[in-house]
Amino acid sequence: MRYITDEEFKIASSYLFLSMAIEVIQKDLHTLRNNSIFKINEPYIKMLESVEKKAIEERREFKQQMHMNKLSVLLTDKSDQFTEYTYYSKRKEEKRRYFNPAIRKKVLVILEELFKIIDIRESV
């Protein structure tokens, strides 16, 4: 049963999964900066920094929409296989359980979209 509207859910879930994608990018950047994975790391670091910048801009827009619509999303439970988030909208709330591999797939799709958006020439 849905307690929040489709639009509210779309905004909040986009913010949630984009935040997860940013965490992945930041961890990868940290790994690249501290380890010599490639013979020349700098182009990959610049490319990831461009992707991170674009993702943070998009997340800022979603955050503004969430603030205007009085939305929030919180992690409420986590197990080996499932993670539960609670979406809050005004005086309504809705719990959603996600299969962890499904979360990974959603984050992967977001990362692929972000890499398509950036202009490779600007990041190198």
PDB file of N, CA and C in Angstrom:
ATOM      1  N   MET A   1       0.844  -1.180   0.000  1.00  0.00           N
ATOM      2  CA  MET A   1       0.000   0.000   0.000  1.00  0.00           C
ATOM      3  C   MET A   1       0.887   1.241   0.000  1.00  0.00           C
ATOM      4  N   ARG A   2       0.566   2.198  -0.842  1.00  0.00           N
ATOM      5  CA  ARG A   2       1.351   3.405  -0.960  1.00  0.00           C
ATOM      6  C   ARG A   2       0.746   4.511  -0.128  1.00  0.00           C
ATOM      7  N   TYR A   3       1.594   5.134   0.657  1.00  0.00           N
ATOM      8  CA  TYR A   3       1.160   6.244   1.482  1.00  0.00           C
ATOM      9  C   TYR A   3       1.680   7.573   0.962  1.00  0.00           C
ATOM     10  N   ILE A   4       2.775   7.527   0.238  1.00  0.00           N
ATOM     11  CA  ILE A   4       3.289   8.754  -0.372  1.00  0.00           C
ATOM     12  C   ILE A   4       3.011   8.694  -1.865  1.00  0.00           C
ATOM     13  N   THR A   5       2.979   9.838  -2.505  1.00  0.00           N
ATOM     14  CA  THR A   5       2.640   9.873  -3.929  1.00  0.00           C
ATOM     15  C   THR A   5       3.798   9.330  -4.767  1.00  0.00           C
ATOM     16  N   ASP A   6       3.495   8.996  -6.010  1.00  0.00           N
ATOM     17  CA  ASP A   6       4.523   8.511  -6.931  1.00  0.00           C
ATOM     18  C   ASP A   6       5.626   9.547  -7.119  1.00  0.00           C
ATOM     19  N   GLU A   7       5.232  10.809  -7.237  1.00  0.00           N
ATOM     20  CA  GLU A   7       6.208  11.890  -7.439  1.00  0.00           C
ATOM     21  C   GLU A   7       7.122  12.027  -6.226  1.00  0.00           C
ATOM     22  N   GLU A   8       6.547  11.980  -5.026  1.00  0.00           N
ATOM     23  CA  GLU A   8       7.348  12.074  -3.802  1.00  0.00           C
ATOM     24  C   GLU A   8       8.319  10.899  -3.702  1.00  0.00           C
ATOM     25  N   PHE A   9       7.825   9.711  -4.026  1.00  0.00           N
ATOM     26  CA  PHE A   9       8.677   8.523  -3.984  1.00  0.00           C
ATOM     27  C   PHE A   9       9.810   8.629  -4.987  1.00  0.00           C
ATOM     28  N   LYS A  10       9.502   9.113  -6.172  1.00  0.00           N
ATOM     29  CA  LYS A  10      10.520   9.246  -7.220  1.00  0.00           C
ATOM     30  C   LYS A  10      11.632  10.189  -6.777  1.00  0.00           C
ATOM     31  N   ILE A  11      11.264  11.322  -6.209  1.00  0.00           N
ATOM     32  CA  ILE A  11      12.256  12.303  -5.755  1.00  0.00           C
ATOM     33  C   ILE A  11      13.122  11.710  -4.637  1.00  0.00           C
ATOM     34  N   ALA A  12      12.480  11.147  -3.625  1.00  0.00           N
ATOM     35  CA  ALA A  12      13.212  10.622  -2.467  1.00  0.00           C
ATOM     36  C   ALA A  12      14.089   9.424  -2.830  1.00  0.00           C
ATOM     37  N   SER A  13      13.582   8.526  -3.653  1.00  0.00           N
ATOM     38  CA  SER A  13      14.388   7.353  -4.018  1.00  0.00           C
ATOM     39  C   SER A  13      15.536   7.754  -4.934  1.00  0.00           C
ATOM     40  N   SER A  14      15.324   8.731  -5.798  1.00  0.00           N
ATOM     41  CA  SER A  14      16.420   9.218  -6.642  1.00  0.00           C
ATOM     42  C   SER A  14      17.518   9.819  -5.782  1.00  0.00           C
ATOM     43  N   TYR A  15      17.133  10.588  -4.778  1.00  0.00           N
ATOM     44  CA  TYR A  15      18.096  11.169  -3.856  1.00  0.00           C
ATOM     45  C   TYR A  15      18.858  10.056  -3.120  1.00  0.00           C
ATOM     46  N   LEU A  16      18.140   9.066  -2.643  1.00  0.00           N
ATOM     47  CA  LEU A  16      18.744   7.966  -1.893  1.00  0.00           C
ATOM     48  C   LEU A  16      19.778   7.218  -2.732  1.00  0.00           C
ATOM     49  N   PHE A  17      19.390   6.778  -3.921  1.00  0.00           N
ATOM     50  CA  PHE A  17      20.297   5.968  -4.735  1.00  0.00           C
ATOM     51  C   PHE A  17      21.425   6.795  -5.336  1.00  0.00           C
ATOM     52  N   LEU A  18      21.181   8.060  -5.613  1.00  0.00           N
ATOM     53  CA  LEU A  18      22.253   8.933  -6.084  1.00  0.00           C
ATOM     54  C   LEU A  18      23.281   9.144  -4.968  1.00  0.00           C
ATOM     55  N   SER A  19      22.822   9.253  -3.744  1.00  0.00           N
ATOM     56  CA  SER A  19      23.738   9.369  -2.598  1.00  0.00           C
ATOM     57  C   SER A  19      24.616   8.122  -2.485  1.00  0.00           C
ATOM     58  N   MET A  20      24.023   6.964  -2.719  1.00  0.00           N
ATOM     59  CA  MET A  20      24.795   5.721  -2.680  1.00  0.00           C
ATOM     60  C   MET A  20      25.839   5.703  -3.793  1.00  0.00           C
ATOM     61  N   ALA A  21      25.465   6.175  -4.968  1.00  0.00           N
ATOM     62  CA  ALA A  21      26.400   6.220  -6.091  1.00  0.00           C
ATOM     63  C   ALA A  21      27.568   7.163  -5.780  1.00  0.00           C
ATOM     64  N   ILE A  22      27.274   8.280  -5.139  1.00  0.00           N
ATOM     65  CA  ILE A  22      28.336   9.224  -4.766  1.00  0.00           C
ATOM     66  C   ILE A  22      29.302   8.569  -3.785  1.00  0.00           C
ATOM     67  N   GLU A  23      28.784   7.799  -2.854  1.00  0.00           N
ATOM     68  CA  GLU A  23      29.654   7.076  -1.910  1.00  0.00           C
ATOM     69  C   GLU A  23      30.592   6.133  -2.652  1.00  0.00           C
ATOM     70  N   VAL A  24      30.073   5.428  -3.647  1.00  0.00           N
ATOM     71  CA  VAL A  24      30.897   4.510  -4.433  1.00  0.00           C
ATOM     72  C   VAL A  24      31.983   5.281  -5.164  1.00  0.00           C
ATOM     73  N   ILE A  25      31.624   6.390  -5.786  1.00  0.00           N
ATOM     74  CA  ILE A  25      32.602   7.214  -6.509  1.00  0.00           C
ATOM     75  C   ILE A  25      33.684   7.702  -5.559  1.00  0.00           C
ATOM     76  N   GLN A  26      33.290   8.180  -4.393  1.00  0.00           N
ATOM     77  CA  GLN A  26      34.256   8.701  -3.430  1.00  0.00           C
ATOM     78  C   GLN A  26      35.195   7.605  -2.919  1.00  0.00           C
ATOM     79  N   LYS A  27      34.681   6.413  -2.704  1.00  0.00           N
ATOM     80  CA  LYS A  27      35.545   5.306  -2.278  1.00  0.00           C
ATOM     81  C   LYS A  27      36.528   4.932  -3.392  1.00  0.00           C
ATOM     82  N   ASP A  28      36.050   4.925  -4.629  1.00  0.00           N
ATOM     83  CA  ASP A  28      36.932   4.621  -5.759  1.00  0.00           C
ATOM     84  C   ASP A  28      38.000   5.697  -5.921  1.00  0.00           C
ATOM     85  N   LEU A  29      37.624   6.952  -5.752  1.00  0.00           N
ATOM     86  CA  LEU A  29      38.602   8.038  -5.811  1.00  0.00           C
ATOM     87  C   LEU A  29      39.652   7.880  -4.722  1.00  0.00           C
ATOM     88  N   HIS A  30      39.222   7.551  -3.530  1.00  0.00           N
ATOM     89  CA  HIS A  30      40.153   7.344  -2.417  1.00  0.00           C
ATOM     90  C   HIS A  30      41.133   6.218  -2.750  1.00  0.00           C
ATOM     91  N   THR A  31      40.622   5.132  -3.302  1.00  0.00           N
ATOM     92  CA  THR A  31      41.463   4.000  -3.677  1.00  0.00           C
ATOM     93  C   THR A  31      42.470   4.405  -4.750  1.00  0.00           C
ATOM     94  N   LEU A  32      42.012   5.137  -5.762  1.00  0.00           N
ATOM     95  CA  LEU A  32      42.913   5.570  -6.832  1.00  0.00           C
ATOM     96  C   LEU A  32      43.993   6.524  -6.329  1.00  0.00           C
ATOM     97  N   ARG A  33      43.611   7.413  -5.440  1.00  0.00           N
ATOM     98  CA  ARG A  33      44.578   8.392  -4.929  1.00  0.00           C
ATOM     99  C   ARG A  33      45.631   7.752  -4.029  1.00  0.00           C
ATOM    100  N   ASN A  34      45.271   6.685  -3.338  1.00  0.00           N
ATOM    101  CA  ASN A  34      46.182   6.073  -2.373  1.00  0.00           C
ATOM    102  C   ASN A  34      46.905   4.831  -2.877  1.00  0.00           C
ATOM    103  N   ASN A  35      46.517   4.323  -4.025  1.00  0.00           N
ATOM    104  CA  ASN A  35      47.151   3.130  -4.581  1.00  0.00           C
ATOM    105  C   ASN A  35      47.479   3.369  -6.041  1.00  0.00           C
ATOM    106  N   SER A  36      48.514   2.748  -6.491  1.00  0.00           N
ATOM    107  CA  SER A  36      48.891   2.877  -7.890  1.00  0.00           C
ATOM    108  C   SER A  36      48.286   1.707  -8.670  1.00  0.00           C
ATOM    109  N   ILE A  37      47.009   1.861  -8.996  1.00  0.00           N
ATOM    110  CA  ILE A  37      46.296   0.792  -9.692  1.00  0.00           C
ATOM    111  C   ILE A  37      46.687   0.755 -11.166  1.00  0.00           C
ATOM    112  N   PHE A  38      46.769   1.925 -11.775  1.00  0.00           N
ATOM    113  CA  PHE A  38      47.140   2.050 -13.176  1.00  0.00           C
ATOM    114  C   PHE A  38      48.550   2.635 -13.258  1.00  0.00           C
ATOM    115  N   LYS A  39      49.159   2.522 -14.422  1.00  0.00           N
ATOM    116  CA  LYS A  39      50.479   3.139 -14.592  1.00  0.00           C
ATOM    117  C   LYS A  39      50.380   4.651 -14.455  1.00  0.00           C
ATOM    118  N   ILE A  40      49.291   5.207 -14.967  1.00  0.00           N
ATOM    119  CA  ILE A  40      49.046   6.652 -14.849  1.00  0.00           C
ATOM    120  C   ILE A  40      47.633   6.817 -14.290  1.00  0.00           C
ATOM    121  N   ASN A  41      47.523   7.229 -13.054  1.00  0.00           N
ATOM    122  CA  ASN A  41      46.233   7.343 -12.374  1.00  0.00           C
ATOM    123  C   ASN A  41      45.503   8.648 -12.660  1.00  0.00           C
ATOM    124  N   GLU A  42      46.228   9.707 -12.978  1.00  0.00           N
ATOM    125  CA  GLU A  42      45.649  11.038 -13.051  1.00  0.00           C
ATOM    126  C   GLU A  42      44.425  11.162 -13.968  1.00  0.00           C
ATOM    127  N   PRO A  43      44.443  10.606 -15.196  1.00  0.00           N
ATOM    128  CA  PRO A  43      43.251  10.757 -16.046  1.00  0.00           C
ATOM    129  C   PRO A  43      42.004  10.106 -15.440  1.00  0.00           C
ATOM    130  N   TYR A  44      42.203   8.985 -14.772  1.00  0.00           N
ATOM    131  CA  TYR A  44      41.070   8.288 -14.158  1.00  0.00           C
ATOM    132  C   TYR A  44      40.543   9.067 -12.953  1.00  0.00           C
ATOM    133  N   ILE A  45      41.461   9.645 -12.210  1.00  0.00           N
ATOM    134  CA  ILE A  45      41.065  10.471 -11.070  1.00  0.00           C
ATOM    135  C   ILE A  45      40.270  11.672 -11.551  1.00  0.00           C
ATOM    136  N   LYS A  46      40.757  12.342 -12.600  1.00  0.00           N
ATOM    137  CA  LYS A  46      40.042  13.513 -13.133  1.00  0.00           C
ATOM    138  C   LYS A  46      38.664  13.133 -13.655  1.00  0.00           C
ATOM    139  N   MET A  47      38.584  11.987 -14.312  1.00  0.00           N
ATOM    140  CA  MET A  47      37.299  11.541 -14.841  1.00  0.00           C
ATOM    141  C   MET A  47      36.320  11.259 -13.689  1.00  0.00           C
ATOM    142  N   LEU A  48      36.777  10.568 -12.663  1.00  0.00           N
ATOM    143  CA  LEU A  48      35.913  10.285 -11.515  1.00  0.00           C
ATOM    144  C   LEU A  48      35.526  11.564 -10.779  1.00  0.00           C
ATOM    145  N   GLU A  49      36.445  12.522 -10.704  1.00  0.00           N
ATOM    146  CA  GLU A  49      36.121  13.799 -10.070  1.00  0.00           C
ATOM    147  C   GLU A  49      35.023  14.529 -10.845  1.00  0.00           C
ATOM    148  N   SER A  50      35.063  14.449 -12.171  1.00  0.00           N
ATOM    149  CA  SER A  50      34.009  15.061 -12.992  1.00  0.00           C
ATOM    150  C   SER A  50      32.665  14.388 -12.759  1.00  0.00           C
ATOM    151  N   VAL A  51      32.685  13.072 -12.678  1.00  0.00           N
ATOM    152  CA  VAL A  51      31.457  12.323 -12.423  1.00  0.00           C
ATOM    153  C   VAL A  51      30.924  12.667 -11.031  1.00  0.00           C
ATOM    154  N   GLU A  52      31.828  12.751 -10.057  1.00  0.00           N
ATOM    155  CA  GLU A  52      31.423  13.096  -8.694  1.00  0.00           C
ATOM    156  C   GLU A  52      30.794  14.489  -8.653  1.00  0.00           C
ATOM    157  N   LYS A  53      31.403  15.427  -9.334  1.00  0.00           N
ATOM    158  CA  LYS A  53      30.885  16.807  -9.362  1.00  0.00           C
ATOM    159  C   LYS A  53      29.475  16.842  -9.949  1.00  0.00           C
ATOM    160  N   LYS A  54      29.267  16.139 -11.057  1.00  0.00           N
ATOM    161  CA  LYS A  54      27.950  16.092 -11.691  1.00  0.00           C
ATOM    162  C   LYS A  54      26.927  15.429 -10.775  1.00  0.00           C
ATOM    163  N   ALA A  55      27.312  14.350 -10.120  1.00  0.00           N
ATOM    164  CA  ALA A  55      26.401  13.636  -9.225  1.00  0.00           C
ATOM    165  C   ALA A  55      26.017  14.508  -8.031  1.00  0.00           C
ATOM    166  N   ILE A  56      26.966  15.243  -7.496  1.00  0.00           N
ATOM    167  CA  ILE A  56      26.678  16.112  -6.352  1.00  0.00           C
ATOM    168  C   ILE A  56      25.738  17.238  -6.763  1.00  0.00           C
ATOM    169  N   GLU A  57      25.916  17.766  -7.973  1.00  0.00           N
ATOM    170  CA  GLU A  57      24.996  18.803  -8.477  1.00  0.00           C
ATOM    171  C   GLU A  57      23.575  18.252  -8.577  1.00  0.00           C
ATOM    172  N   GLU A  58      23.440  17.053  -9.141  1.00  0.00           N
ATOM    173  CA  GLU A  58      22.113  16.438  -9.272  1.00  0.00           C
ATOM    174  C   GLU A  58      21.501  16.163  -7.902  1.00  0.00           C
ATOM    175  N   ARG A  59      22.320  15.678  -6.967  1.00  0.00           N
ATOM    176  CA  ARG A  59      21.806  15.389  -5.624  1.00  0.00           C
ATOM    177  C   ARG A  59      21.350  16.669  -4.934  1.00  0.00           C
ATOM    178  N   ARG A  60      22.060  17.770  -5.154  1.00  0.00           N
ATOM    179  CA  ARG A  60      21.664  19.053  -4.573  1.00  0.00           C
ATOM    180  C   ARG A  60      20.280  19.462  -5.062  1.00  0.00           C
ATOM    181  N   GLU A  61      20.014  19.228  -6.346  1.00  0.00           N
ATOM    182  CA  GLU A  61      18.691  19.543  -6.898  1.00  0.00           C
ATOM    183  C   GLU A  61      17.605  18.671  -6.249  1.00  0.00           C
ATOM    184  N   PHE A  62      17.891  17.381  -6.095  1.00  0.00           N
ATOM    185  CA  PHE A  62      16.921  16.498  -5.437  1.00  0.00           C
ATOM    186  C   PHE A  62      16.720  16.908  -3.984  1.00  0.00           C
ATOM    187  N   LYS A  63      17.786  17.311  -3.311  1.00  0.00           N
ATOM    188  CA  LYS A  63      17.687  17.742  -1.915  1.00  0.00           C
ATOM    189  C   LYS A  63      16.786  18.968  -1.799  1.00  0.00           C
ATOM    190  N   GLN A  64      16.911  19.901  -2.740  1.00  0.00           N
ATOM    191  CA  GLN A  64      16.047  21.088  -2.738  1.00  0.00           C
ATOM    192  C   GLN A  64      14.590  20.686  -2.949  1.00  0.00           C
ATOM    193  N   GLN A  65      14.341  19.779  -3.865  1.00  0.00           N
ATOM    194  CA  GLN A  65      12.975  19.299  -4.099  1.00  0.00           C
ATOM    195  C   GLN A  65      12.431  18.595  -2.853  1.00  0.00           C
ATOM    196  N   MET A  66      13.284  17.831  -2.184  1.00  0.00           N
ATOM    197  CA  MET A  66      12.848  17.146  -0.969  1.00  0.00           C
ATOM    198  C   MET A  66      12.493  18.159   0.111  1.00  0.00           C
ATOM    199  N   HIS A  67      13.295  19.197   0.227  1.00  0.00           N
ATOM    200  CA  HIS A  67      13.021  20.229   1.230  1.00  0.00           C
ATOM    201  C   HIS A  67      11.701  20.945   0.927  1.00  0.00           C
ATOM    202  N   MET A  68      11.481  21.274  -0.346  1.00  0.00           N
ATOM    203  CA  MET A  68      10.246  21.969  -0.735  1.00  0.00           C
ATOM    204  C   MET A  68       9.016  21.095  -0.490  1.00  0.00           C
ATOM    205  N   ASN A  69       9.152  19.794  -0.693  1.00  0.00           N
ATOM    206  CA  ASN A  69       8.029  18.863  -0.521  1.00  0.00           C
ATOM    207  C   ASN A  69       7.988  18.212   0.862  1.00  0.00           C
ATOM    208  N   LYS A  70       8.872  18.653   1.742  1.00  0.00           N
ATOM    209  CA  LYS A  70       8.952  18.118   3.113  1.00  0.00           C
ATOM    210  C   LYS A  70       9.108  16.594   3.110  1.00  0.00           C
ATOM    211  N   LEU A  71      10.103  16.127   2.355  1.00  0.00           N
ATOM    212  CA  LEU A  71      10.388  14.701   2.238  1.00  0.00           C
ATOM    213  C   LEU A  71      11.685  14.357   2.953  1.00  0.00           C
ATOM    214  N   SER A  72      11.759  13.137   3.455  1.00  0.00           N
ATOM    215  CA  SER A  72      13.018  12.610   3.969  1.00  0.00           C
ATOM    216  C   SER A  72      12.992  11.097   3.835  1.00  0.00           C
ATOM    217  N   VAL A  73      14.180  10.523   3.868  1.00  0.00           N
ATOM    218  CA  VAL A  73      14.305   9.070   3.778  1.00  0.00           C
ATOM    219  C   VAL A  73      15.405   8.648   4.743  1.00  0.00           C
ATOM    220  N   LEU A  74      15.117   7.602   5.524  1.00  0.00           N
ATOM    221  CA  LEU A  74      16.058   7.132   6.536  1.00  0.00           C
ATOM    222  C   LEU A  74      16.222   5.620   6.466  1.00  0.00           C
ATOM    223  N   LEU A  75      17.442   5.174   6.700  1.00  0.00           N
ATOM    224  CA  LEU A  75      17.717   3.748   6.824  1.00  0.00           C
ATOM    225  C   LEU A  75      17.115   3.273   8.139  1.00  0.00           C
ATOM    226  N   THR A  76      16.252   2.253   8.087  1.00  0.00           N
ATOM    227  CA  THR A  76      15.606   1.786   9.315  1.00  0.00           C
ATOM    228  C   THR A  76      15.991   0.364   9.696  1.00  0.00           C
ATOM    229  N   ASP A  77      16.462  -0.443   8.740  1.00  0.00           N
ATOM    230  CA  ASP A  77      16.859  -1.809   9.077  1.00  0.00           C
ATOM    231  C   ASP A  77      17.771  -2.334   7.991  1.00  0.00           C
ATOM    232  N   LYS A  78      18.734  -3.149   8.398  1.00  0.00           N
ATOM    233  CA  LYS A  78      19.656  -3.724   7.425  1.00  0.00           C
ATOM    234  C   LYS A  78      20.010  -5.133   7.860  1.00  0.00           C
ATOM    235  N   SER A  79      19.970  -6.057   6.908  1.00  0.00           N
ATOM    236  CA  SER A  79      20.391  -7.430   7.158  1.00  0.00           C
ATOM    237  C   SER A  79      21.314  -7.848   6.019  1.00  0.00           C
ATOM    238  N   ASP A  80      21.709  -9.099   6.003  1.00  0.00           N
ATOM    239  CA  ASP A  80      22.600  -9.579   4.952  1.00  0.00           C
ATOM    240  C   ASP A  80      21.957  -9.509   3.572  1.00  0.00           C
ATOM    241  N   GLN A  81      20.647  -9.709   3.516  1.00  0.00           N
ATOM    242  CA  GLN A  81      19.982  -9.776   2.221  1.00  0.00           C
ATOM    243  C   GLN A  81      19.114  -8.578   1.893  1.00  0.00           C
ATOM    244  N   PHE A  82      18.598  -7.887   2.907  1.00  0.00           N
ATOM    245  CA  PHE A  82      17.663  -6.797   2.662  1.00  0.00           C
ATOM    246  C   PHE A  82      18.052  -5.548   3.450  1.00  0.00           C
ATOM    247  N   THR A  83      17.679  -4.406   2.891  1.00  0.00           N
ATOM    248  CA  THR A  83      17.843  -3.133   3.572  1.00  0.00           C
ATOM    249  C   THR A  83      16.507  -2.416   3.500  1.00  0.00           C
ATOM    250  N   GLU A  84      16.092  -1.860   4.640  1.00  0.00           N
ATOM    251  CA  GLU A  84      14.801  -1.182   4.703  1.00  0.00           C
ATOM    252  C   GLU A  84      15.009   0.313   4.914  1.00  0.00           C
ATOM    253  N   TYR A  85      14.286   1.084   4.124  1.00  0.00           N
ATOM    254  CA  TYR A  85      14.289   2.539   4.254  1.00  0.00           C
ATOM    255  C   TYR A  85      12.865   2.999   4.520  1.00  0.00           C
ATOM    256  N   THR A  86      12.745   4.048   5.319  1.00  0.00           N
ATOM    257  CA  THR A  86      11.443   4.644   5.572  1.00  0.00           C
ATOM    258  C   THR A  86      11.409   6.006   4.909  1.00  0.00           C
ATOM    259  N   TYR A  87      10.403   6.197   4.080  1.00  0.00           N
ATOM    260  CA  TYR A  87      10.187   7.466   3.381  1.00  0.00           C
ATOM    261  C   TYR A  87       9.151   8.267   4.164  1.00  0.00           C
ATOM    262  N   TYR A  88       9.471   9.507   4.460  1.00  0.00           N
ATOM    263  CA  TYR A  88       8.560  10.382   5.192  1.00  0.00           C
ATOM    264  C   TYR A  88       8.146  11.532   4.292  1.00  0.00           C
ATOM    265  N   SER A  89       6.857  11.811   4.287  1.00  0.00           N
ATOM    266  CA  SER A  89       6.315  12.919   3.509  1.00  0.00           C
ATOM    267  C   SER A  89       5.209  13.572   4.319  1.00  0.00           C
ATOM    268  N   LYS A  90       5.472  14.805   4.718  1.00  0.00           N
ATOM    269  CA  LYS A  90       4.522  15.548   5.550  1.00  0.00           C
ATOM    270  C   LYS A  90       4.175  14.688   6.760  1.00  0.00           C
ATOM    271  N   ARG A  91       2.968  14.210   6.884  1.00  0.00           N
ATOM    272  CA  ARG A  91       2.602  13.362   8.038  1.00  0.00           C
ATOM    273  C   ARG A  91       2.443  11.897   7.656  1.00  0.00           C
ATOM    274  N   LYS A  92       2.941  11.549   6.489  1.00  0.00           N
ATOM    275  CA  LYS A  92       2.820  10.167   6.028  1.00  0.00           C
ATOM    276  C   LYS A  92       4.191   9.497   6.042  1.00  0.00           C
ATOM    277  N   GLU A  93       4.180   8.191   6.153  1.00  0.00           N
ATOM    278  CA  GLU A  93       5.427   7.441   6.060  1.00  0.00           C
ATOM    279  C   GLU A  93       5.166   6.132   5.335  1.00  0.00           C
ATOM    280  N   GLU A  94       6.217   5.663   4.691  1.00  0.00           N
ATOM    281  CA  GLU A  94       6.112   4.405   3.957  1.00  0.00           C
ATOM    282  C   GLU A  94       7.435   3.673   4.070  1.00  0.00           C
ATOM    283  N   LYS A  95       7.363   2.392   4.434  1.00  0.00           N
ATOM    284  CA  LYS A  95       8.569   1.572   4.551  1.00  0.00           C
ATOM    285  C   LYS A  95       8.768   0.794   3.255  1.00  0.00           C
ATOM    286  N   ARG A  96      10.020   0.731   2.819  1.00  0.00           N
ATOM    287  CA  ARG A  96      10.371  -0.028   1.619  1.00  0.00           C
ATOM    288  C   ARG A  96      11.553  -0.924   1.928  1.00  0.00           C
ATOM    289  N   ARG A  97      11.424  -2.187   1.581  1.00  0.00           N
ATOM    290  CA  ARG A  97      12.532  -3.135   1.733  1.00  0.00           C
ATOM    291  C   ARG A  97      13.119  -3.406   0.363  1.00  0.00           C
ATOM    292  N   TYR A  98      14.439  -3.341   0.291  1.00  0.00           N
ATOM    293  CA  TYR A  98      15.148  -3.573  -0.965  1.00  0.00           C
ATOM    294  C   TYR A  98      16.079  -4.765  -0.797  1.00  0.00           C
ATOM    295  N   PHE A  99      16.084  -5.620  -1.791  1.00  0.00           N
ATOM    296  CA  PHE A  99      17.021  -6.728  -1.864  1.00  0.00           C
ATOM    297  C   PHE A  99      18.388  -6.119  -2.167  1.00  0.00           C
ATOM    298  N   ASN A 100      19.414  -6.422  -1.372  1.00  0.00           N
ATOM    299  CA  ASN A 100      20.711  -5.763  -1.511  1.00  0.00           C
ATOM    300  C   ASN A 100      21.312  -5.846  -2.920  1.00  0.00           C
ATOM    301  N   PRO A 101      21.233  -6.997  -3.617  1.00  0.00           N
ATOM    302  CA  PRO A 101      21.722  -7.002  -5.004  1.00  0.00           C
ATOM    303  C   PRO A 101      20.919  -6.065  -5.923  1.00  0.00           C
ATOM    304  N   ALA A 102      19.651  -5.821  -5.609  1.00  0.00           N
ATOM    305  CA  ALA A 102      18.852  -4.877  -6.399  1.00  0.00           C
ATOM    306  C   ALA A 102      19.337  -3.451  -6.165  1.00  0.00           C
ATOM    307  N   ILE A 103      19.746  -3.150  -4.937  1.00  0.00           N
ATOM    308  CA  ILE A 103      20.318  -1.826  -4.645  1.00  0.00           C
ATOM    309  C   ILE A 103      21.591  -1.645  -5.463  1.00  0.00           C
ATOM    310  N   ARG A 104      22.420  -2.657  -5.460  1.00  0.00           N
ATOM    311  CA  ARG A 104      23.678  -2.603  -6.218  1.00  0.00           C
ATOM    312  C   ARG A 104      23.401  -2.348  -7.711  1.00  0.00           C
ATOM    313  N   LYS A 105      22.395  -3.010  -8.242  1.00  0.00           N
ATOM    314  CA  LYS A 105      22.045  -2.852  -9.658  1.00  0.00           C
ATOM    315  C   LYS A 105      21.565  -1.427  -9.937  1.00  0.00           C
ATOM    316  N   LYS A 106      20.743  -0.857  -9.043  1.00  0.00           N
ATOM    317  CA  LYS A 106      20.258   0.512  -9.233  1.00  0.00           C
ATOM    318  C   LYS A 106      21.415   1.499  -9.204  1.00  0.00           C
ATOM    319  N   VAL A 107      22.351   1.295  -8.286  1.00  0.00           N
ATOM    320  CA  VAL A 107      23.509   2.178  -8.193  1.00  0.00           C
ATOM    321  C   VAL A 107      24.364   2.041  -9.453  1.00  0.00           C
ATOM    322  N   LEU A 108      24.525   0.844  -9.953  1.00  0.00           N
ATOM    323  CA  LEU A 108      25.283   0.617 -11.181  1.00  0.00           C
ATOM    324  C   LEU A 108      24.654   1.372 -12.353  1.00  0.00           C
ATOM    325  N   VAL A 109      23.345   1.309 -12.476  1.00  0.00           N
ATOM    326  CA  VAL A 109      22.643   2.016 -13.553  1.00  0.00           C
ATOM    327  C   VAL A 109      22.876   3.528 -13.435  1.00  0.00           C
ATOM    328  N   ILE A 110      22.815   4.052 -12.218  1.00  0.00           N
ATOM    329  CA  ILE A 110      23.054   5.486 -12.012  1.00  0.00           C
ATOM    330  C   ILE A 110      24.484   5.854 -12.405  1.00  0.00           C
ATOM    331  N   LEU A 111      25.449   5.027 -12.005  1.00  0.00           N
ATOM    332  CA  LEU A 111      26.843   5.296 -12.367  1.00  0.00           C
ATOM    333  C   LEU A 111      27.031   5.297 -13.884  1.00  0.00           C
ATOM    334  N   GLU A 112      26.415   4.342 -14.560  1.00  0.00           N
ATOM    335  CA  GLU A 112      26.524   4.284 -16.019  1.00  0.00           C
ATOM    336  C   GLU A 112      25.929   5.530 -16.656  1.00  0.00           C
ATOM    337  N   GLU A 113      24.799   6.010 -16.139  1.00  0.00           N
ATOM    338  CA  GLU A 113      24.180   7.224 -16.658  1.00  0.00           C
ATOM    339  C   GLU A 113      25.081   8.438 -16.432  1.00  0.00           C
ATOM    340  N   LEU A 114      25.696   8.512 -15.258  1.00  0.00           N
ATOM    341  CA  LEU A 114      26.591   9.629 -14.959  1.00  0.00           C
ATOM    342  C   LEU A 114      27.800   9.631 -15.884  1.00  0.00           C
ATOM    343  N   PHE A 115      28.344   8.458 -16.170  1.00  0.00           N
ATOM    344  CA  PHE A 115      29.486   8.387 -17.074  1.00  0.00           C
ATOM    345  C   PHE A 115      29.107   8.783 -18.498  1.00  0.00           C
ATOM    346  N   LYS A 116      27.876   8.513 -18.896  1.00  0.00           N
ATOM    347  CA  LYS A 116      27.417   8.928 -20.226  1.00  0.00           C
ATOM    348  C   LYS A 116      27.252  10.443 -20.304  1.00  0.00           C
ATOM    349  N   ILE A 117      26.849  11.061 -19.200  1.00  0.00           N
ATOM    350  CA  ILE A 117      26.565  12.489 -19.176  1.00  0.00           C
ATOM    351  C   ILE A 117      27.827  13.331 -19.298  1.00  0.00           C
ATOM    352  N   ILE A 118      28.878  12.932 -18.571  1.00  0.00           N
ATOM    353  CA  ILE A 118      30.081  13.777 -18.570  1.00  0.00           C
ATOM    354  C   ILE A 118      30.753  13.719 -19.933  1.00  0.00           C
ATOM    355  N   ASP A 119      31.383  14.790 -20.270  1.00  0.00           N
ATOM    356  CA  ASP A 119      32.160  14.858 -21.505  1.00  0.00           C
ATOM    357  C   ASP A 119      33.573  14.423 -21.158  1.00  0.00           C
ATOM    358  N   ILE A 120      34.003  13.321 -21.746  1.00  0.00           N
ATOM    359  CA  ILE A 120      35.332  12.766 -21.425  1.00  0.00           C
ATOM    360  C   ILE A 120      36.423  13.798 -21.664  1.00  0.00           C
ATOM    361  N   ARG A 121      36.287  14.629 -22.690  1.00  0.00           N
ATOM    362  CA  ARG A 121      37.330  15.623 -22.976  1.00  0.00           C
ATOM    363  C   ARG A 121      37.485  16.626 -21.857  1.00  0.00           C
ATOM    364  N   GLU A 122      36.396  16.968 -21.163  1.00  0.00           N
ATOM    365  CA  GLU A 122      36.490  17.948 -20.084  1.00  0.00           C
ATOM    366  C   GLU A 122      37.158  17.368 -18.854  1.00  0.00           C
ATOM    367  N   SER A 123      37.126  16.047 -18.682  1.00  0.00           N
ATOM    368  CA  SER A 123      37.678  15.461 -17.479  1.00  0.00           C
ATOM    369  C   SER A 123      39.164  15.131 -17.614  1.00  0.00           C
ATOM    370  N   VAL A 124      39.676  15.063 -18.834  1.00  0.00           N
ATOM    371  CA  VAL A 124      41.093  14.702 -19.025  1.00  0.00           C
ATOM    372  C   VAL A 124      41.952  15.921 -19.155  1.00  0.00           C
TER     373      VAL A 124
END
